[in-house]
Amino acid sequence: MKKTGNCPITHKEVPVNELVNAHNIRHKIKQAIKQQHPDWDSEDGIISIDALNKCRAEYARKALEEEKGDLGNLEIEVLDRIKNLETMAKDVDLETEGELTLGQKLADKVAEFGGSWAFILSFGGFIVVWIMVNVIFLAQKPFDPYPFILLNLILSCLAALQAPVIMMSQNRQESKDRLRSQYDYQVNLKAELEIRQLHEKVDHLLIHQSQKLFEIQQIQIDLMEQLLSRKEK
């Protein structure tokens, strides 16, 4: 039968392996827990991992507020992810792909083709054929004689239509880039907060370990003194 214990913060029964002793929590986090829950024993008390994560997120929120002032939606979302132990990285392309309309997809295809060598070579070939037909094959009665006014009209119409379509695709790409930069900022912020907490935790463990070693050394010194006193007697 699996043993459980009661978390004094949430007042819920949780498995024993999900309870953390106060000795294993660094000092600043214990202070934050004590401020939120004055009745909690910060020396020998216990707390569930879920409640501890919420207190850590609250501690990170206060630290951010001291550095940045009022928090925005991006920072709040990062703190929620830390509290719920969720990852922050997202694939922007996958998220935006399903939201595209038919016009946006068409604009992307036009922009992709219009900025390729295939378009340049094919349209260059079309112009060469147009000129050859009117100058050589239909030299007597060309449908578009020199200076090729009809060809210029077609090129102008094509440029007039192609430019706004490409701008639509570029605007959507800029929106995607802004969204990607927001995700990058959130990932970096979450990593910075967790690394900071990790450094503090490592420092706490080193101090705690040093205290334990000092206590063991004191015990060893006491035993050696007792042995020496016995030999002298």
Protein backbone atom coordinates (compact mmCIF):
# COMPACT_ATOMS: atom_id res chain seq x y z
CA MET A 1 0.00 0.00 0.00
CA LYS A 2 1.40 3.36 -0.98
CA LYS A 3 2.07 5.71 1.96
CA THR A 4 0.66 9.21 1.86
CA GLY A 5 1.08 12.36 3.90
CA ASN A 6 -0.84 15.58 4.44
CA CYS A 7 0.47 18.81 2.95
CA PRO A 8 -0.04 21.62 5.50
CA ILE A 9 -0.31 24.18 2.70
CA THR A 10 -2.92 22.57 0.44
CA HIS A 11 -4.38 20.28 3.14
CA LYS A 12 -4.43 17.42 0.65
CA GLU A 13 -3.22 13.86 0.92
CA VAL A 14 -0.28 13.26 -1.41
CA PRO A 15 2.26 10.42 -1.80
CA VAL A 16 5.18 10.64 0.60
CA ASN A 17 7.64 10.90 -2.31
CA GLU A 18 5.90 14.14 -3.36
CA LEU A 19 6.53 15.82 0.00
CA VAL A 20 9.59 18.02 0.51
CA ASN A 21 11.17 18.74 3.89
CA ALA A 22 11.85 22.36 4.83
CA HIS A 23 15.55 21.56 5.27
CA ASN A 24 15.80 20.92 1.52
CA ILE A 25 14.26 24.26 0.55
CA ARG A 26 16.50 27.28 0.14
CA HIS A 27 16.11 30.19 2.52
CA LYS A 28 14.49 32.73 0.17
CA ILE A 29 11.79 30.29 -0.88
CA LYS A 30 11.11 29.39 2.74
CA GLN A 31 10.68 33.06 3.50
CA ALA A 32 8.22 33.40 0.63
CA ILE A 33 6.24 30.38 1.86
CA LYS A 34 6.28 31.76 5.40
CA GLN A 35 4.92 35.09 4.21
CA GLN A 36 2.04 33.42 2.41
CA HIS A 37 1.42 30.83 5.14
CA PRO A 38 2.52 32.16 8.56
CA ASP A 39 1.51 28.93 10.34
CA TRP A 40 3.91 26.82 8.28
CA ASP A 41 6.92 25.44 10.15
CA SER A 42 9.96 26.67 8.21
CA GLU A 43 12.37 24.53 10.25
CA ASP A 44 10.90 21.03 10.32
CA GLY A 45 7.78 21.44 8.18
CA ILE A 46 6.89 19.70 4.95
CA ILE A 47 5.27 20.86 1.73
CA SER A 48 4.00 19.14 -1.40
CA ILE A 49 5.86 19.56 -4.69
CA ASP A 50 2.79 21.17 -6.28
CA ALA A 51 2.51 23.80 -3.54
CA LEU A 52 6.28 24.35 -3.63
CA ASN A 53 6.20 25.03 -7.38
CA LYS A 54 3.44 27.60 -6.87
CA CYS A 55 5.48 29.32 -4.17
CA ARG A 56 8.54 29.29 -6.45
CA ALA A 57 6.47 30.89 -9.23
CA GLU A 58 5.24 33.53 -6.80
CA TYR A 59 8.81 34.19 -5.68
CA ALA A 60 9.89 34.54 -9.34
CA ARG A 61 6.97 36.91 -9.97
CA LYS A 62 8.03 39.20 -7.14
CA ALA A 63 11.64 39.12 -8.32
CA LEU A 64 10.52 40.10 -11.83
CA GLU A 65 8.32 42.89 -10.49
CA GLU A 66 11.28 44.31 -8.57
CA GLU A 67 13.39 44.31 -11.75
CA LYS A 68 10.82 45.24 -14.42
CA GLY A 69 7.93 46.83 -12.56
CA ASP A 70 4.49 45.88 -13.83
CA LEU A 71 4.45 42.56 -15.66
CA GLY A 72 2.99 42.10 -19.12
CA ASN A 73 1.06 39.19 -20.57
CA LEU A 74 4.26 37.52 -21.80
CA GLU A 75 5.86 37.50 -18.33
CA ILE A 76 2.63 36.28 -16.69
CA GLU A 77 2.39 33.41 -19.18
CA VAL A 78 6.00 32.43 -18.40
CA LEU A 79 5.25 32.36 -14.66
CA ASP A 80 2.17 30.21 -15.27
CA ARG A 81 4.27 27.76 -17.28
CA ILE A 82 6.82 27.60 -14.46
CA LYS A 83 4.05 27.01 -11.93
CA ASN A 84 2.54 24.19 -13.98
CA LEU A 85 5.92 22.72 -15.01
CA GLU A 86 5.10 23.19 -18.70
CA THR A 87 7.51 23.74 -21.56
CA MET A 88 7.66 27.12 -23.23
CA ALA A 89 9.04 26.31 -26.71
CA LYS A 90 6.54 26.35 -29.57
CA ASP A 91 6.68 25.74 -33.30
CA VAL A 92 5.39 28.98 -34.81
CA ASP A 93 5.05 27.49 -38.29
CA LEU A 94 2.81 24.67 -37.06
CA GLU A 95 0.66 27.05 -35.02
CA THR A 96 0.12 29.54 -37.82
CA GLU A 97 -0.23 27.00 -40.63
CA GLY A 98 -3.70 25.90 -39.57
CA GLU A 99 -4.96 29.50 -39.30
CA LEU A 100 -4.15 30.50 -42.91
CA THR A 101 -6.98 31.55 -45.18
CA LEU A 102 -7.16 30.67 -48.87
CA GLY A 103 -6.02 34.18 -49.81
CA GLN A 104 -2.99 33.99 -47.50
CA LYS A 105 -1.98 30.62 -48.90
CA LEU A 106 -2.36 31.96 -52.46
CA ALA A 107 -0.31 35.05 -51.57
CA ASP A 108 2.47 32.83 -50.21
CA LYS A 109 2.51 30.75 -53.38
CA VAL A 110 2.60 33.84 -55.60
CA ALA A 111 5.38 35.41 -53.52
CA GLU A 112 7.32 32.15 -53.52
CA PHE A 113 7.07 31.79 -57.29
CA GLY A 114 7.60 35.52 -57.98
CA GLY A 115 10.88 35.50 -56.07
CA SER A 116 12.36 32.46 -57.78
CA TRP A 117 14.61 31.88 -60.77
CA ALA A 118 11.82 29.88 -62.37
CA PHE A 119 9.69 33.03 -62.62
CA ILE A 120 12.60 35.15 -63.90
CA LEU A 121 13.61 32.66 -66.60
CA SER A 122 10.06 31.81 -67.67
CA PHE A 123 8.99 35.45 -67.89
CA GLY A 124 12.22 36.40 -69.62
CA GLY A 125 11.53 33.67 -72.18
CA PHE A 126 7.97 34.97 -72.62
CA ILE A 127 9.26 38.48 -73.38
CA VAL A 128 11.84 37.17 -75.86
CA VAL A 129 9.18 35.11 -77.67
CA TRP A 130 6.79 38.08 -77.71
CA ILE A 131 9.42 40.34 -79.31
CA MET A 132 10.54 37.72 -81.83
CA VAL A 133 6.96 37.03 -82.91
CA ASN A 134 6.24 40.71 -83.50
CA VAL A 135 9.60 41.59 -85.08
CA ILE A 136 10.37 38.48 -87.16
CA PHE A 137 7.36 36.23 -87.71
CA LEU A 138 4.72 38.96 -87.95
CA ALA A 139 6.98 41.69 -89.29
CA GLN A 140 4.41 42.80 -91.89
CA LYS A 141 1.38 42.98 -89.56
CA PRO A 142 2.53 42.68 -85.93
CA PHE A 143 -0.23 42.76 -83.31
CA ASP A 144 2.15 44.69 -80.97
CA PRO A 145 4.67 46.67 -83.08
CA TYR A 146 7.70 48.41 -81.66
CA PRO A 147 7.89 49.95 -78.98
CA PHE A 148 5.65 47.08 -77.77
CA ILE A 149 2.99 49.15 -76.01
CA LEU A 150 0.81 46.11 -75.29
CA LEU A 151 3.74 44.25 -73.72
CA ASN A 152 4.51 47.28 -71.54
CA LEU A 153 0.86 47.39 -70.48
CA ILE A 154 0.93 43.70 -69.52
CA LEU A 155 4.15 44.18 -67.56
CA SER A 156 2.71 47.21 -65.74
CA CYS A 157 -0.49 45.33 -64.82
CA LEU A 158 1.52 42.33 -63.66
CA ALA A 159 3.75 44.52 -61.47
CA ALA A 160 0.72 46.39 -60.08
CA LEU A 161 -0.99 43.12 -59.10
CA GLN A 162 2.10 41.27 -57.95
CA ALA A 163 3.38 43.99 -55.59
CA PRO A 164 0.42 44.04 -53.16
CA VAL A 165 0.23 40.23 -53.18
CA ILE A 166 3.91 40.02 -52.22
CA MET A 167 3.35 42.69 -49.56
CA MET A 168 0.53 40.59 -48.10
CA SER A 169 2.88 37.65 -47.80
CA GLN A 170 5.63 39.83 -46.30
CA ASN A 171 3.23 41.31 -43.73
CA ARG A 172 2.17 37.83 -42.66
CA GLN A 173 5.84 36.82 -42.45
CA GLU A 174 6.54 39.86 -40.26
CA SER A 175 3.68 38.85 -37.97
CA LYS A 176 5.15 35.36 -37.75
CA ASP A 177 8.58 36.83 -36.97
CA ARG A 178 7.10 38.99 -34.20
CA LEU A 179 5.37 35.93 -32.75
CA ARG A 180 8.60 33.96 -32.97
CA SER A 181 10.53 36.74 -31.21
CA GLN A 182 7.92 36.76 -28.43
CA TYR A 183 8.31 33.01 -27.96
CA ASP A 184 12.11 33.39 -27.95
CA TYR A 185 11.84 36.06 -25.28
CA GLN A 186 9.58 33.87 -23.16
CA VAL A 187 11.86 30.85 -23.52
CA ASN A 188 14.90 32.94 -22.57
CA LEU A 189 13.10 34.48 -19.62
CA LYS A 190 11.91 31.10 -18.35
CA ALA A 191 15.41 29.65 -18.74
CA GLU A 192 16.93 32.63 -16.90
CA LEU A 193 14.49 32.30 -13.99
CA GLU A 194 14.99 28.56 -13.71
CA ILE A 195 18.79 28.88 -13.92
CA ARG A 196 18.69 31.52 -11.20
CA GLN A 197 16.62 29.21 -9.01
CA LEU A 198 18.95 26.34 -9.81
CA HIS A 199 21.99 28.39 -8.75
CA GLU A 200 20.29 29.32 -5.50
CA LYS A 201 19.34 25.70 -4.90
CA VAL A 202 22.89 24.52 -5.53
CA ASP A 203 24.21 27.16 -3.12
CA HIS A 204 21.66 26.03 -0.54
CA LEU A 205 22.69 22.38 -0.95
CA LEU A 206 26.37 23.26 -0.63
CA ILE A 207 25.76 25.27 2.53
CA HIS A 208 23.56 22.49 3.94
CA GLN A 209 26.20 19.89 3.07
CA SER A 210 28.94 22.00 4.66
CA GLN A 211 26.91 22.25 7.85
CA LYS A 212 26.44 18.49 7.91
CA LEU A 213 30.18 17.92 7.36
CA PHE A 214 30.98 20.38 10.13
CA GLU A 215 28.65 18.52 12.49
CA ILE A 216 30.27 15.21 11.56
CA GLN A 217 33.72 16.67 12.17
CA GLN A 218 32.63 17.96 15.56
CA ILE A 219 31.37 14.50 16.48
CA GLN A 220 34.67 12.97 15.35
CA ILE A 221 36.63 15.50 17.41
CA ASP A 222 34.51 14.73 20.47
CA LEU A 223 35.10 11.00 20.03
CA MET A 224 38.85 11.52 19.64
CA GLU A 225 38.93 13.64 22.79
CA GLN A 226 37.07 10.92 24.67
CA LEU A 227 39.55 8.29 23.45
CA LEU A 228 42.50 10.45 24.44
CA SER A 229 41.06 11.07 27.88
CA ARG A 230 40.59 7.35 28.40
CA LYS A 231 44.18 6.63 27.43
CA GLU A 232 45.49 9.26 29.84
CA LYS A 233 43.54 7.62 32.64
